[in-house]
């Protein structure tokens, strides 16, 4: 690419699905999705993302609640540019 050339304008056409189980003291969730990435003078690419997680109550008092949790996620591209 030379000086003064335009590049970028990257667009993501994407979709994602989230599923969750929610109770008073526990939330479990999973998600996944993907995207088609394209731009001006940038290579087209595809990526996928997914993850799982959990949240749980560790303490309750006077109508308040302390919640903690864990999450794991991953992201991958078709072409690692």
PDB file of N, CA and C in Angstrom:
ATOM      1  N   UNK A   1       0.834  -1.182   0.000  1.00  0.00           N
ATOM      2  CA  UNK A   1       0.000   0.000   0.000  1.00  0.00           C
ATOM      3  C   UNK A   1       0.874   1.239   0.000  1.00  0.00           C
ATOM      4  N   UNK A   2       0.496   2.191  -0.799  1.00  0.00           N
ATOM      5  CA  UNK A   2       1.263   3.427  -0.879  1.00  0.00           C
ATOM      6  C   UNK A   2       0.628   4.535  -0.065  1.00  0.00           C
ATOM      7  N   UNK A   3       1.335   5.627   0.035  1.00  0.00           N
ATOM      8  CA  UNK A   3       0.842   6.789   0.782  1.00  0.00           C
ATOM      9  C   UNK A   3      -0.421   7.334   0.123  1.00  0.00           C
ATOM     10  N   UNK A   4      -1.371   7.756   0.931  1.00  0.00           N
ATOM     11  CA  UNK A   4      -2.593   8.365   0.439  1.00  0.00           C
ATOM     12  C   UNK A   4      -3.679   7.377   0.045  1.00  0.00           C
ATOM     13  N   UNK A   5      -3.411   6.066   0.123  1.00  0.00           N
ATOM     14  CA  UNK A   5      -4.437   5.082  -0.209  1.00  0.00           C
ATOM     15  C   UNK A   5      -5.370   4.892   0.983  1.00  0.00           C
ATOM     16  N   UNK A   6      -6.625   4.645   0.669  1.00  0.00           N
ATOM     17  CA  UNK A   6      -7.637   4.439   1.709  1.00  0.00           C
ATOM     18  C   UNK A   6      -7.765   2.954   2.015  1.00  0.00           C
ATOM     19  N   UNK A   7      -7.836   2.626   3.279  1.00  0.00           N
ATOM     20  CA  UNK A   7      -8.071   1.255   3.699  1.00  0.00           C
ATOM     21  C   UNK A   7      -8.904   1.279   4.973  1.00  0.00           C
ATOM     22  N   UNK A   8      -9.453   0.153   5.336  1.00  0.00           N
ATOM     23  CA  UNK A   8     -10.233   0.052   6.570  1.00  0.00           C
ATOM     24  C   UNK A   8     -11.715  -0.064   6.278  1.00  0.00           C
ATOM     25  N   UNK A   9     -12.521   0.673   7.012  1.00  0.00           N
ATOM     26  CA  UNK A   9     -13.970   0.586   6.862  1.00  0.00           C
ATOM     27  C   UNK A   9     -14.463  -0.830   7.083  1.00  0.00           C
ATOM     28  N   UNK A  10     -13.905  -1.510   8.055  1.00  0.00           N
ATOM     29  CA  UNK A  10     -14.219  -2.920   8.274  1.00  0.00           C
ATOM     30  C   UNK A  10     -15.623  -3.080   8.840  1.00  0.00           C
ATOM     31  N   UNK A  11     -16.373  -3.998   8.241  1.00  0.00           N
ATOM     32  CA  UNK A  11     -17.744  -4.308   8.672  1.00  0.00           C
ATOM     33  C   UNK A  11     -17.807  -5.752   9.153  1.00  0.00           C
ATOM     34  N   UNK A  12     -18.562  -5.968  10.219  1.00  0.00           N
ATOM     35  CA  UNK A  12     -18.830  -7.311  10.729  1.00  0.00           C
ATOM     36  C   UNK A  12     -20.303  -7.605  10.493  1.00  0.00           C
ATOM     37  N   UNK A  13     -20.598  -8.640   9.748  1.00  0.00           N
ATOM     38  CA  UNK A  13     -21.961  -9.156   9.627  1.00  0.00           C
ATOM     39  C   UNK A  13     -22.010 -10.380  10.519  1.00  0.00           C
ATOM     40  N   UNK A  14     -22.705 -10.261  11.637  1.00  0.00           N
ATOM     41  CA  UNK A  14     -22.572 -11.308  12.639  1.00  0.00           C
ATOM     42  C   UNK A  14     -23.892 -11.736  13.236  1.00  0.00           C
ATOM     43  N   UNK A  15     -23.813 -12.882  13.900  1.00  0.00           N
ATOM     44  CA  UNK A  15     -24.939 -13.427  14.641  1.00  0.00           C
ATOM     45  C   UNK A  15     -24.436 -14.096  15.900  1.00  0.00           C
ATOM     46  N   UNK A  16     -25.297 -14.163  16.902  1.00  0.00           N
ATOM     47  CA  UNK A  16     -24.915 -14.768  18.175  1.00  0.00           C
ATOM     48  C   UNK A  16     -26.160 -15.337  18.832  1.00  0.00           C
ATOM     49  N   UNK A  17     -25.999 -16.463  19.519  1.00  0.00           N
ATOM     50  CA  UNK A  17     -27.082 -17.097  20.259  1.00  0.00           C
ATOM     51  C   UNK A  17     -26.626 -17.283  21.697  1.00  0.00           C
ATOM     52  N   UNK A  18     -27.450 -16.844  22.644  1.00  0.00           N
ATOM     53  CA  UNK A  18     -27.190 -17.001  24.073  1.00  0.00           C
ATOM     54  C   UNK A  18     -28.299 -17.850  24.683  1.00  0.00           C
ATOM     55  N   UNK A  19     -27.936 -18.833  25.482  1.00  0.00           N
ATOM     56  CA  UNK A  19     -28.894 -19.651  26.215  1.00  0.00           C
ATOM     57  C   UNK A  19     -28.516 -19.614  27.685  1.00  0.00           C
ATOM     58  N   UNK A  20     -29.537 -19.544  28.565  1.00  0.00           N
ATOM     59  CA  UNK A  20     -29.250 -19.459  30.000  1.00  0.00           C
ATOM     60  C   UNK A  20     -30.303 -20.184  30.820  1.00  0.00           C
ATOM     61  N   UNK A  21     -29.852 -20.730  31.933  1.00  0.00           N
ATOM     62  CA  UNK A  21     -30.728 -21.240  32.980  1.00  0.00           C
ATOM     63  C   UNK A  21     -30.562 -20.285  34.153  1.00  0.00           C
ATOM     64  N   UNK A  22     -31.673 -19.728  34.640  1.00  0.00           N
ATOM     65  CA  UNK A  22     -31.605 -18.732  35.707  1.00  0.00           C
ATOM     66  C   UNK A  22     -32.512 -19.163  36.856  1.00  0.00           C
ATOM     67  N   UNK A  23     -31.943 -19.259  38.054  1.00  0.00           N
ATOM     68  CA  UNK A  23     -32.731 -19.508  39.268  1.00  0.00           C
ATOM     69  C   UNK A  23     -32.403 -18.404  40.266  1.00  0.00           C
ATOM     70  N   UNK A  24     -32.950 -18.495  41.456  1.00  0.00           N
ATOM     71  CA  UNK A  24     -32.735 -17.452  42.462  1.00  0.00           C
ATOM     72  C   UNK A  24     -31.264 -17.342  42.878  1.00  0.00           C
ATOM     73  N   UNK A  25     -30.572 -18.482  42.962  1.00  0.00           N
ATOM     74  CA  UNK A  25     -29.198 -18.477  43.467  1.00  0.00           C
ATOM     75  C   UNK A  25     -28.139 -18.888  42.445  1.00  0.00           C
ATOM     76  N   UNK A  26     -28.556 -19.265  41.226  1.00  0.00           N
ATOM     77  CA  UNK A  26     -27.606 -19.795  40.256  1.00  0.00           C
ATOM     78  C   UNK A  26     -28.017 -19.410  38.835  1.00  0.00           C
ATOM     79  N   UNK A  27     -27.049 -19.010  38.036  1.00  0.00           N
ATOM     80  CA  UNK A  27     -27.255 -18.783  36.605  1.00  0.00           C
ATOM     81  C   UNK A  27     -26.170 -19.527  35.849  1.00  0.00           C
ATOM     82  N   UNK A  28     -26.578 -20.331  34.866  1.00  0.00           N
ATOM     83  CA  UNK A  28     -25.662 -21.030  33.977  1.00  0.00           C
ATOM     84  C   UNK A  28     -25.933 -20.550  32.562  1.00  0.00           C
ATOM     85  N   UNK A  29     -24.892 -20.300  31.774  1.00  0.00           N
ATOM     86  CA  UNK A  29     -25.139 -19.819  30.416  1.00  0.00           C
ATOM     87  C   UNK A  29     -24.092 -20.335  29.444  1.00  0.00           C
ATOM     88  N   UNK A  30     -24.478 -20.348  28.184  1.00  0.00           N
ATOM     89  CA  UNK A  30     -23.616 -20.744  27.083  1.00  0.00           C
ATOM     90  C   UNK A  30     -23.930 -19.817  25.914  1.00  0.00           C
ATOM     91  N   UNK A  31     -22.922 -19.478  25.124  1.00  0.00           N
ATOM     92  CA  UNK A  31     -23.160 -18.627  23.964  1.00  0.00           C
ATOM     93  C   UNK A  31     -22.238 -19.019  22.822  1.00  0.00           C
ATOM     94  N   UNK A  32     -22.662 -18.688  21.614  1.00  0.00           N
ATOM     95  CA  UNK A  32     -21.851 -18.959  20.442  1.00  0.00           C
ATOM     96  C   UNK A  32     -22.280 -18.071  19.294  1.00  0.00           C
ATOM     97  N   UNK A  33     -21.371 -17.821  18.398  1.00  0.00           N
ATOM     98  CA  UNK A  33     -21.705 -16.992  17.258  1.00  0.00           C
ATOM     99  C   UNK A  33     -20.573 -16.936  16.262  1.00  0.00           C
ATOM    100  N   UNK A  34     -20.788 -16.144  15.240  1.00  0.00           N
ATOM    101  CA  UNK A  34     -19.781 -15.998  14.209  1.00  0.00           C
ATOM    102  C   UNK A  34     -19.985 -14.715  13.437  1.00  0.00           C
ATOM    103  N   UNK A  35     -18.996 -14.399  12.615  1.00  0.00           N
ATOM    104  CA  UNK A  35     -19.037 -13.144  11.874  1.00  0.00           C
ATOM    105  C   UNK A  35     -18.273 -13.285  10.565  1.00  0.00           C
ATOM    106  N   UNK A  36     -18.774 -12.596   9.546  1.00  0.00           N
ATOM    107  CA  UNK A  36     -18.061 -12.440   8.283  1.00  0.00           C
ATOM    108  C   UNK A  36     -17.502 -11.025   8.292  1.00  0.00           C
ATOM    109  N   UNK A  37     -16.180 -10.896   8.152  1.00  0.00           N
ATOM    110  CA  UNK A  37     -15.498  -9.613   8.271  1.00  0.00           C
ATOM    111  C   UNK A  37     -14.986  -9.204   6.893  1.00  0.00           C
ATOM    112  N   UNK A  38     -15.306  -7.955   6.480  1.00  0.00           N
ATOM    113  CA  UNK A  38     -14.809  -7.468   5.205  1.00  0.00           C
ATOM    114  C   UNK A  38     -14.582  -5.962   5.270  1.00  0.00           C
ATOM    115  N   UNK A  39     -13.645  -5.472   4.456  1.00  0.00           N
ATOM    116  CA  UNK A  39     -13.336  -4.050   4.461  1.00  0.00           C
ATOM    117  C   UNK A  39     -12.621  -3.632   3.185  1.00  0.00           C
ATOM    118  N   UNK A  40     -12.298  -2.363   3.106  1.00  0.00           N
ATOM    119  CA  UNK A  40     -11.611  -1.799   1.951  1.00  0.00           C
ATOM    120  C   UNK A  40     -10.113  -2.075   2.051  1.00  0.00           C
ATOM    121  N   UNK A  41      -9.565  -2.796   1.081  1.00  0.00           N
ATOM    122  CA  UNK A  41      -8.147  -3.180   1.055  1.00  0.00           C
ATOM    123  C   UNK A  41      -7.727  -3.951   2.303  1.00  0.00           C
ATOM    124  N   UNK A  42      -8.670  -4.655   2.911  1.00  0.00           N
ATOM    125  CA  UNK A  42      -8.370  -5.563   4.011  1.00  0.00           C
ATOM    126  C   UNK A  42      -8.896  -6.932   3.614  1.00  0.00           C
ATOM    127  N   UNK A  43      -8.191  -8.007   3.922  1.00  0.00           N
ATOM    128  CA  UNK A  43      -8.647  -9.348   3.525  1.00  0.00           C
ATOM    129  C   UNK A  43      -9.960  -9.717   4.220  1.00  0.00           C
ATOM    130  N   UNK A  44     -10.862 -10.365   3.485  1.00  0.00           N
ATOM    131  CA  UNK A  44     -12.076 -10.900   4.093  1.00  0.00           C
ATOM    132  C   UNK A  44     -11.687 -12.024   5.046  1.00  0.00           C
ATOM    133  N   UNK A  45     -12.491 -12.203   6.083  1.00  0.00           N
ATOM    134  CA  UNK A  45     -12.200 -13.225   7.068  1.00  0.00           C
ATOM    135  C   UNK A  45     -13.485 -13.656   7.747  1.00  0.00           C
ATOM    136  N   UNK A  46     -13.425 -14.752   8.448  1.00  0.00           N
ATOM    137  CA  UNK A  46     -14.552 -15.294   9.204  1.00  0.00           C
ATOM    138  C   UNK A  46     -14.044 -15.614  10.600  1.00  0.00           C
ATOM    139  N   UNK A  47     -14.869 -15.335  11.615  1.00  0.00           N
ATOM    140  CA  UNK A  47     -14.464 -15.758  12.955  1.00  0.00           C
ATOM    141  C   UNK A  47     -15.633 -16.371  13.703  1.00  0.00           C
ATOM    142  N   UNK A  48     -15.300 -17.168  14.699  1.00  0.00           N
ATOM    143  CA  UNK A  48     -16.283 -17.787  15.569  1.00  0.00           C
ATOM    144  C   UNK A  48     -15.934 -17.492  17.013  1.00  0.00           C
ATOM    145  N   UNK A  49     -16.957 -17.423  17.835  1.00  0.00           N
ATOM    146  CA  UNK A  49     -16.769 -17.151  19.253  1.00  0.00           C
ATOM    147  C   UNK A  49     -17.732 -18.040  20.045  1.00  0.00           C
ATOM    148  N   UNK A  50     -17.309 -18.466  21.226  1.00  0.00           N
ATOM    149  CA  UNK A  50     -18.168 -19.276  22.072  1.00  0.00           C
ATOM    150  C   UNK A  50     -17.711 -19.197  23.515  1.00  0.00           C
ATOM    151  N   UNK A  51     -18.607 -19.553  24.403  1.00  0.00           N
ATOM    152  CA  UNK A  51     -18.234 -19.525  25.810  1.00  0.00           C
ATOM    153  C   UNK A  51     -19.287 -20.123  26.713  1.00  0.00           C
ATOM    154  N   UNK A  52     -18.884 -20.326  27.955  1.00  0.00           N
ATOM    155  CA  UNK A  52     -19.771 -20.831  28.999  1.00  0.00           C
ATOM    156  C   UNK A  52     -19.493 -20.046  30.277  1.00  0.00           C
ATOM    157  N   UNK A  53     -20.456 -20.058  31.179  1.00  0.00           N
ATOM    158  CA  UNK A  53     -20.239 -19.368  32.435  1.00  0.00           C
ATOM    159  C   UNK A  53     -21.253 -19.745  33.489  1.00  0.00           C
ATOM    160  N   UNK A  54     -20.964 -19.325  34.696  1.00  0.00           N
ATOM    161  CA  UNK A  54     -21.846 -19.568  35.836  1.00  0.00           C
ATOM    162  C   UNK A  54     -21.733 -18.397  36.808  1.00  0.00           C
ATOM    163  N   UNK A  55     -22.839 -18.049  37.393  1.00  0.00           N
ATOM    164  CA  UNK A  55     -22.910 -17.031  38.452  1.00  0.00           C
ATOM    165  C   UNK A  55     -23.668 -17.645  39.621  1.00  0.00           C
ATOM    166  N   UNK A  56     -23.229 -17.358  40.838  1.00  0.00           N
ATOM    167  CA  UNK A  56     -23.952 -17.874  41.994  1.00  0.00           C
ATOM    168  C   UNK A  56     -23.895 -16.880  43.140  1.00  0.00           C
ATOM    169  N   UNK A  57     -24.901 -16.993  43.989  1.00  0.00           N
ATOM    170  CA  UNK A  57     -25.030 -16.118  45.153  1.00  0.00           C
ATOM    171  C   UNK A  57     -24.156 -16.647  46.278  1.00  0.00           C
ATOM    172  N   UNK A  58     -23.375 -15.737  46.889  1.00  0.00           N
ATOM    173  CA  UNK A  58     -22.532 -16.154  48.010  1.00  0.00           C
ATOM    174  C   UNK A  58     -23.005 -15.560  49.336  1.00  0.00           C
ATOM    175  N   UNK A  59     -23.829 -14.518  49.273  1.00  0.00           N
ATOM    176  CA  UNK A  59     -24.360 -13.920  50.505  1.00  0.00           C
ATOM    177  C   UNK A  59     -25.611 -13.100  50.176  1.00  0.00           C
ATOM    178  N   UNK A  60     -26.546 -13.095  51.138  1.00  0.00           N
ATOM    179  CA  UNK A  60     -27.758 -12.274  51.027  1.00  0.00           C
ATOM    180  C   UNK A  60     -27.984 -11.559  52.348  1.00  0.00           C
ATOM    181  N   UNK A  61     -28.384 -10.283  52.265  1.00  0.00           N
ATOM    182  CA  UNK A  61     -28.700  -9.515  53.459  1.00  0.00           C
ATOM    183  C   UNK A  61     -29.580  -8.331  53.100  1.00  0.00           C
ATOM    184  N   UNK A  62     -30.599  -8.073  53.894  1.00  0.00           N
ATOM    185  CA  UNK A  62     -31.489  -6.915  53.776  1.00  0.00           C
ATOM    186  C   UNK A  62     -31.902  -6.611  52.334  1.00  0.00           C
ATOM    187  N   UNK A  63     -32.276  -7.624  51.585  1.00  0.00           N
ATOM    188  CA  UNK A  63     -32.708  -7.414  50.206  1.00  0.00           C
ATOM    189  C   UNK A  63     -31.561  -7.253  49.214  1.00  0.00           C
ATOM    190  N   UNK A  64     -30.328  -7.356  49.693  1.00  0.00           N
ATOM    191  CA  UNK A  64     -29.146  -7.277  48.822  1.00  0.00           C
ATOM    192  C   UNK A  64     -28.578  -8.674  48.598  1.00  0.00           C
ATOM    193  N   UNK A  65     -27.742  -8.784  47.592  1.00  0.00           N
ATOM    194  CA  UNK A  65     -27.163 -10.080  47.262  1.00  0.00           C
ATOM    195  C   UNK A  65     -25.762  -9.878  46.696  1.00  0.00           C
ATOM    196  N   UNK A  66     -24.799 -10.685  47.152  1.00  0.00           N
ATOM    197  CA  UNK A  66     -23.449 -10.676  46.613  1.00  0.00           C
ATOM    198  C   UNK A  66     -23.309 -11.886  45.696  1.00  0.00           C
ATOM    199  N   UNK A  67     -22.938 -11.627  44.439  1.00  0.00           N
ATOM    200  CA  UNK A  67     -22.856 -12.669  43.424  1.00  0.00           C
ATOM    201  C   UNK A  67     -21.427 -12.732  42.881  1.00  0.00           C
ATOM    202  N   UNK A  68     -20.945 -13.943  42.656  1.00  0.00           N
ATOM    203  CA  UNK A  68     -19.651 -14.145  42.009  1.00  0.00           C
ATOM    204  C   UNK A  68     -19.841 -15.123  40.861  1.00  0.00           C
ATOM    205  N   UNK A  69     -18.829 -15.283  40.032  1.00  0.00           N
ATOM    206  CA  UNK A  69     -18.975 -16.194  38.915  1.00  0.00           C
ATOM    207  C   UNK A  69     -17.691 -16.431  38.166  1.00  0.00           C
ATOM    208  N   UNK A  70     -17.791 -17.339  37.203  1.00  0.00           N
ATOM    209  CA  UNK A  70     -16.680 -17.701  36.330  1.00  0.00           C
ATOM    210  C   UNK A  70     -17.164 -17.704  34.890  1.00  0.00           C
ATOM    211  N   UNK A  71     -16.267 -17.362  33.970  1.00  0.00           N
ATOM    212  CA  UNK A  71     -16.604 -17.366  32.556  1.00  0.00           C
ATOM    213  C   UNK A  71     -15.391 -17.874  31.774  1.00  0.00           C
ATOM    214  N   UNK A  72     -15.639 -18.627  30.733  1.00  0.00           N
ATOM    215  CA  UNK A  72     -14.584 -19.049  29.811  1.00  0.00           C
ATOM    216  C   UNK A  72     -15.086 -18.798  28.399  1.00  0.00           C
ATOM    217  N   UNK A  73     -14.238 -18.205  27.581  1.00  0.00           N
ATOM    218  CA  UNK A  73     -14.641 -17.942  26.205  1.00  0.00           C
ATOM    219  C   UNK A  73     -13.456 -18.153  25.270  1.00  0.00           C
ATOM    220  N   UNK A  74     -13.771 -18.338  23.997  1.00  0.00           N
ATOM    221  CA  UNK A  74     -12.741 -18.544  22.981  1.00  0.00           C
ATOM    222  C   UNK A  74     -13.152 -17.827  21.708  1.00  0.00           C
ATOM    223  N   UNK A  75     -12.146 -17.376  20.976  1.00  0.00           N
ATOM    224  CA  UNK A  75     -12.363 -16.673  19.712  1.00  0.00           C
ATOM    225  C   UNK A  75     -11.357 -17.220  18.713  1.00  0.00           C
ATOM    226  N   UNK A  76     -11.821 -17.524  17.514  1.00  0.00           N
ATOM    227  CA  UNK A  76     -10.925 -18.029  16.493  1.00  0.00           C
ATOM    228  C   UNK A  76     -11.251 -17.398  15.145  1.00  0.00           C
ATOM    229  N   UNK A  77     -10.229 -17.135  14.374  1.00  0.00           N
ATOM    230  CA  UNK A  77     -10.380 -16.621  13.022  1.00  0.00           C
ATOM    231  C   UNK A  77     -10.017 -17.700  12.014  1.00  0.00           C
ATOM    232  N   UNK A  78     -10.686 -17.709  10.861  1.00  0.00           N
ATOM    233  CA  UNK A  78     -10.347 -18.661   9.798  1.00  0.00           C
ATOM    234  C   UNK A  78      -8.912 -18.434   9.347  1.00  0.00           C
ATOM    235  N   UNK A  79      -8.560 -17.174   9.085  1.00  0.00           N
ATOM    236  CA  UNK A  79      -7.206 -16.820   8.691  1.00  0.00           C
ATOM    237  C   UNK A  79      -6.625 -15.919   9.768  1.00  0.00           C
ATOM    238  N   UNK A  80      -5.564 -16.371  10.431  1.00  0.00           N
ATOM    239  CA  UNK A  80      -4.933 -15.596  11.476  1.00  0.00           C
ATOM    240  C   UNK A  80      -4.000 -14.573  10.829  1.00  0.00           C
ATOM    241  N   UNK A  81      -4.575 -13.398  10.512  1.00  0.00           N
ATOM    242  CA  UNK A  81      -3.820 -12.382   9.755  1.00  0.00           C
ATOM    243  C   UNK A  81      -3.072 -11.443  10.661  1.00  0.00           C
TER     244      UNK A  81
END
